[in-house]
Amino acid sequence: MRDYKREAKLASKPKIVKKRTQANAARSKLGLKVGDPRDAGHIKRGGGNGSKNLKAQSKSSNRSHGGKVGNKAGKAAGGRKSKPSKKY
């Protein structure tokens, strides 16, 4: 069962508010209206919300990149770590 009180507390934390305002600003820059099925995706990870780093893409394709960084493969949030290579 959902704990709505807990969700309300989380949504009001400064870190979450900042993340949400950045996401809203990115959507605004791309001209995505409420109800548009697309997301504001980032071309470079960690590149910020500059107009050259944003692209409109489907929600499924945007959210399927969750956690892929470098050699870490997989779509799980945070990425699945690959086995470390043995160096002799």
N, C-alpha and C. Protein backbone atom coordinates (compact mmCIF):
# COMPACT_ATOMS: atom_id res chain seq x y z
N MET A 1 0.82 -1.19 0.00
CA MET A 1 0.00 0.00 0.00
C MET A 1 0.87 1.25 0.00
N ARG A 2 0.43 2.26 -0.70
CA ARG A 2 1.21 3.49 -0.77
C ARG A 2 1.08 4.31 0.50
N ASP A 3 2.17 4.90 0.89
CA ASP A 3 2.19 5.79 2.06
C ASP A 3 2.25 7.22 1.53
N TYR A 4 1.08 7.83 1.40
CA TYR A 4 0.99 9.16 0.78
C TYR A 4 1.67 10.24 1.63
N LYS A 5 1.63 10.09 2.94
CA LYS A 5 2.30 11.07 3.81
C LYS A 5 3.80 11.05 3.58
N ARG A 6 4.35 9.84 3.45
CA ARG A 6 5.78 9.69 3.21
C ARG A 6 6.16 10.28 1.85
N GLU A 7 5.33 10.03 0.83
CA GLU A 7 5.60 10.57 -0.50
C GLU A 7 5.57 12.09 -0.48
N ALA A 8 4.65 12.68 0.27
CA ALA A 8 4.57 14.13 0.35
C ALA A 8 5.82 14.71 1.01
N LYS A 9 6.33 14.02 2.03
CA LYS A 9 7.55 14.47 2.70
C LYS A 9 8.74 14.41 1.74
N LEU A 10 8.83 13.33 0.96
CA LEU A 10 9.94 13.18 0.02
C LEU A 10 9.87 14.24 -1.07
N ALA A 11 8.68 14.53 -1.57
CA ALA A 11 8.52 15.47 -2.67
C ALA A 11 8.89 16.89 -2.27
N SER A 12 8.89 17.18 -0.97
CA SER A 12 9.18 18.54 -0.53
C SER A 12 10.64 18.73 -0.09
N LYS A 13 11.44 17.69 -0.19
CA LYS A 13 12.85 17.83 0.20
C LYS A 13 13.58 18.69 -0.84
N PRO A 14 14.49 19.54 -0.40
CA PRO A 14 15.17 20.46 -1.31
C PRO A 14 15.84 19.79 -2.50
N LYS A 15 16.45 18.63 -2.29
CA LYS A 15 17.14 17.93 -3.37
C LYS A 15 16.14 17.49 -4.45
N ILE A 16 15.00 16.99 -4.04
CA ILE A 16 13.96 16.52 -4.97
C ILE A 16 13.32 17.71 -5.69
N VAL A 17 13.09 18.81 -4.95
CA VAL A 17 12.50 20.01 -5.55
C VAL A 17 13.42 20.55 -6.63
N LYS A 18 14.73 20.59 -6.35
CA LYS A 18 15.70 21.09 -7.32
C LYS A 18 15.71 20.23 -8.58
N LYS A 19 15.68 18.91 -8.41
CA LYS A 19 15.68 17.99 -9.54
C LYS A 19 14.42 18.18 -10.39
N ARG A 20 13.29 18.35 -9.73
CA ARG A 20 12.02 18.53 -10.45
C ARG A 20 12.00 19.85 -11.21
N THR A 21 12.53 20.92 -10.61
CA THR A 21 12.54 22.21 -11.30
C THR A 21 13.47 22.17 -12.52
N GLN A 22 14.58 21.45 -12.42
CA GLN A 22 15.48 21.30 -13.56
C GLN A 22 14.81 20.52 -14.68
N ALA A 23 14.07 19.47 -14.32
CA ALA A 23 13.36 18.68 -15.33
C ALA A 23 12.28 19.53 -16.00
N ASN A 24 11.57 20.33 -15.22
CA ASN A 24 10.53 21.20 -15.77
C ASN A 24 11.14 22.25 -16.70
N ALA A 25 12.30 22.79 -16.32
CA ALA A 25 12.98 23.79 -17.15
C ALA A 25 13.41 23.18 -18.47
N ALA A 26 13.90 21.95 -18.44
CA ALA A 26 14.32 21.27 -19.67
C ALA A 26 13.13 21.05 -20.59
N ARG A 27 12.00 20.63 -20.03
CA ARG A 27 10.79 20.43 -20.84
C ARG A 27 10.34 21.75 -21.46
N SER A 28 10.44 22.82 -20.70
CA SER A 28 10.03 24.13 -21.17
C SER A 28 10.91 24.60 -22.34
N LYS A 29 12.22 24.39 -22.23
CA LYS A 29 13.15 24.79 -23.29
C LYS A 29 12.87 24.07 -24.60
N LEU A 30 12.41 22.81 -24.49
CA LEU A 30 12.11 22.03 -25.69
C LEU A 30 10.69 22.31 -26.22
N GLY A 31 9.91 23.04 -25.45
CA GLY A 31 8.54 23.35 -25.87
C GLY A 31 7.59 22.19 -25.69
N LEU A 32 7.88 21.27 -24.76
CA LEU A 32 7.00 20.14 -24.50
C LEU A 32 5.88 20.58 -23.57
N LYS A 33 4.66 20.43 -24.01
CA LYS A 33 3.50 20.86 -23.23
C LYS A 33 3.04 19.74 -22.30
N VAL A 34 2.18 20.08 -21.35
CA VAL A 34 1.59 19.09 -20.45
C VAL A 34 0.79 18.11 -21.30
N GLY A 35 0.99 16.83 -21.07
CA GLY A 35 0.29 15.82 -21.83
C GLY A 35 1.07 15.30 -23.02
N ASP A 36 2.19 15.94 -23.35
CA ASP A 36 3.02 15.46 -24.44
C ASP A 36 3.66 14.14 -24.00
N PRO A 37 3.58 13.09 -24.81
CA PRO A 37 4.09 11.78 -24.39
C PRO A 37 5.62 11.68 -24.38
N ARG A 38 6.32 12.73 -24.79
CA ARG A 38 7.78 12.67 -24.86
C ARG A 38 8.43 13.23 -23.60
N ASP A 39 9.67 12.86 -23.40
CA ASP A 39 10.51 13.35 -22.29
C ASP A 39 11.60 14.25 -22.85
N ALA A 40 12.18 15.05 -21.98
CA ALA A 40 13.37 15.82 -22.33
C ALA A 40 14.57 14.95 -21.99
N GLY A 41 15.27 14.47 -23.01
CA GLY A 41 16.43 13.62 -22.80
C GLY A 41 17.70 14.43 -22.93
N HIS A 42 18.76 13.94 -22.33
CA HIS A 42 20.05 14.61 -22.40
C HIS A 42 20.97 13.85 -23.34
N ILE A 43 21.66 14.58 -24.19
CA ILE A 43 22.57 13.96 -25.15
C ILE A 43 23.83 13.49 -24.43
N LYS A 44 24.42 14.37 -23.62
CA LYS A 44 25.58 14.00 -22.81
C LYS A 44 25.14 13.87 -21.37
N ARG A 45 25.56 12.80 -20.74
CA ARG A 45 25.24 12.60 -19.33
C ARG A 45 26.01 13.63 -18.50
N GLY A 46 25.30 14.31 -17.61
CA GLY A 46 25.95 15.27 -16.75
C GLY A 46 26.32 16.57 -17.45
N GLY A 47 25.74 16.80 -18.63
CA GLY A 47 26.10 17.98 -19.38
C GLY A 47 25.24 19.19 -19.07
N GLY A 48 24.24 19.04 -18.24
CA GLY A 48 23.39 20.16 -17.87
C GLY A 48 22.21 20.33 -18.81
N ASN A 49 21.48 21.43 -18.62
CA ASN A 49 20.26 21.69 -19.37
C ASN A 49 20.44 22.72 -20.48
N GLY A 50 21.63 22.83 -21.03
CA GLY A 50 21.85 23.73 -22.16
C GLY A 50 21.05 23.26 -23.36
N SER A 51 20.64 24.20 -24.22
CA SER A 51 19.78 23.85 -25.34
C SER A 51 20.46 22.86 -26.30
N LYS A 52 21.79 22.87 -26.38
CA LYS A 52 22.50 21.94 -27.26
C LYS A 52 22.58 20.54 -26.67
N ASN A 53 22.27 20.38 -25.39
CA ASN A 53 22.37 19.08 -24.74
C ASN A 53 21.01 18.43 -24.53
N LEU A 54 19.95 19.03 -25.03
CA LEU A 54 18.61 18.49 -24.83
C LEU A 54 18.04 17.97 -26.14
N LYS A 55 17.24 16.92 -26.02
CA LYS A 55 16.49 16.41 -27.17
C LYS A 55 15.19 15.81 -26.67
N ALA A 56 14.14 15.94 -27.46
CA ALA A 56 12.86 15.33 -27.12
C ALA A 56 12.90 13.89 -27.59
N GLN A 57 12.56 12.98 -26.71
CA GLN A 57 12.54 11.56 -27.08
C GLN A 57 11.42 10.86 -26.33
N SER A 58 11.06 9.69 -26.80
CA SER A 58 9.96 8.96 -26.17
C SER A 58 10.35 8.59 -24.74
N LYS A 59 9.35 8.45 -23.90
CA LYS A 59 9.62 8.12 -22.50
C LYS A 59 10.33 6.78 -22.39
N SER A 60 9.90 5.80 -23.19
CA SER A 60 10.49 4.47 -23.07
C SER A 60 11.97 4.48 -23.46
N SER A 61 12.33 5.19 -24.51
CA SER A 61 13.74 5.21 -24.91
C SER A 61 14.58 6.02 -23.93
N ASN A 62 14.01 7.11 -23.40
CA ASN A 62 14.77 7.94 -22.46
C ASN A 62 15.02 7.21 -21.14
N ARG A 63 14.02 6.52 -20.65
CA ARG A 63 14.14 5.89 -19.34
C ARG A 63 14.82 4.53 -19.40
N SER A 64 15.08 4.02 -20.59
CA SER A 64 15.76 2.73 -20.71
C SER A 64 17.26 2.86 -20.51
N HIS A 65 17.77 4.09 -20.42
CA HIS A 65 19.21 4.30 -20.26
C HIS A 65 19.64 4.32 -18.80
N GLY A 66 18.76 3.98 -17.88
CA GLY A 66 19.02 4.16 -16.46
C GLY A 66 20.31 3.56 -15.95
N GLY A 67 21.32 4.35 -15.78
CA GLY A 67 22.53 3.92 -15.10
C GLY A 67 23.65 3.46 -16.00
N LYS A 68 23.48 3.49 -17.31
CA LYS A 68 24.57 3.03 -18.19
C LYS A 68 25.69 4.07 -18.17
N VAL A 69 26.83 3.69 -17.62
CA VAL A 69 27.97 4.59 -17.58
C VAL A 69 29.21 3.76 -17.90
N GLY A 70 29.96 4.19 -18.89
CA GLY A 70 31.21 3.51 -19.21
C GLY A 70 31.00 2.05 -19.53
N ASN A 71 31.68 1.17 -18.82
CA ASN A 71 31.58 -0.25 -19.11
C ASN A 71 30.49 -0.92 -18.28
N LYS A 72 29.71 -0.15 -17.52
CA LYS A 72 28.64 -0.74 -16.72
C LYS A 72 27.44 -0.96 -17.63
N ALA A 73 27.04 -2.20 -17.76
CA ALA A 73 25.94 -2.51 -18.66
C ALA A 73 24.67 -2.76 -17.86
N GLY A 74 23.56 -2.84 -18.54
CA GLY A 74 22.29 -3.14 -17.89
C GLY A 74 21.45 -1.91 -17.73
N LYS A 75 20.17 -2.13 -17.52
CA LYS A 75 19.24 -1.03 -17.45
C LYS A 75 18.76 -0.76 -16.04
N ALA A 76 19.27 -1.46 -15.06
CA ALA A 76 18.85 -1.23 -13.68
C ALA A 76 19.35 0.13 -13.23
N ALA A 77 18.57 0.78 -12.37
CA ALA A 77 18.98 2.08 -11.85
C ALA A 77 20.33 1.92 -11.16
N GLY A 78 21.29 2.72 -11.53
CA GLY A 78 22.62 2.60 -10.95
C GLY A 78 23.54 1.71 -11.77
N GLY A 79 22.96 0.92 -12.66
CA GLY A 79 23.77 0.07 -13.54
C GLY A 79 24.25 -1.19 -12.85
N ARG A 80 24.47 -2.20 -13.64
CA ARG A 80 25.03 -3.44 -13.11
C ARG A 80 26.52 -3.37 -13.34
N LYS A 81 27.27 -3.68 -12.30
CA LYS A 81 28.72 -3.58 -12.39
C LYS A 81 29.27 -4.80 -13.12
N SER A 82 30.19 -4.57 -14.01
CA SER A 82 30.84 -5.67 -14.70
C SER A 82 31.91 -6.24 -13.80
N LYS A 83 32.29 -7.47 -14.10
CA LYS A 83 33.31 -8.12 -13.28
C LYS A 83 34.65 -7.43 -13.53
N PRO A 84 35.41 -7.18 -12.48
CA PRO A 84 36.70 -6.51 -12.67
C PRO A 84 37.66 -7.45 -13.41
N SER A 85 38.42 -6.87 -14.32
CA SER A 85 39.38 -7.68 -15.07
C SER A 85 40.60 -7.95 -14.19
N LYS A 86 41.13 -9.15 -14.35
CA LYS A 86 42.30 -9.54 -13.55
C LYS A 86 43.56 -9.03 -14.25
N LYS A 87 44.34 -8.27 -13.54
CA LYS A 87 45.59 -7.75 -14.10
C LYS A 87 46.74 -8.36 -13.32
N TYR A 88 47.63 -9.03 -14.05
CA TYR A 88 48.77 -9.69 -13.41
C TYR A 88 50.03 -8.94 -13.63
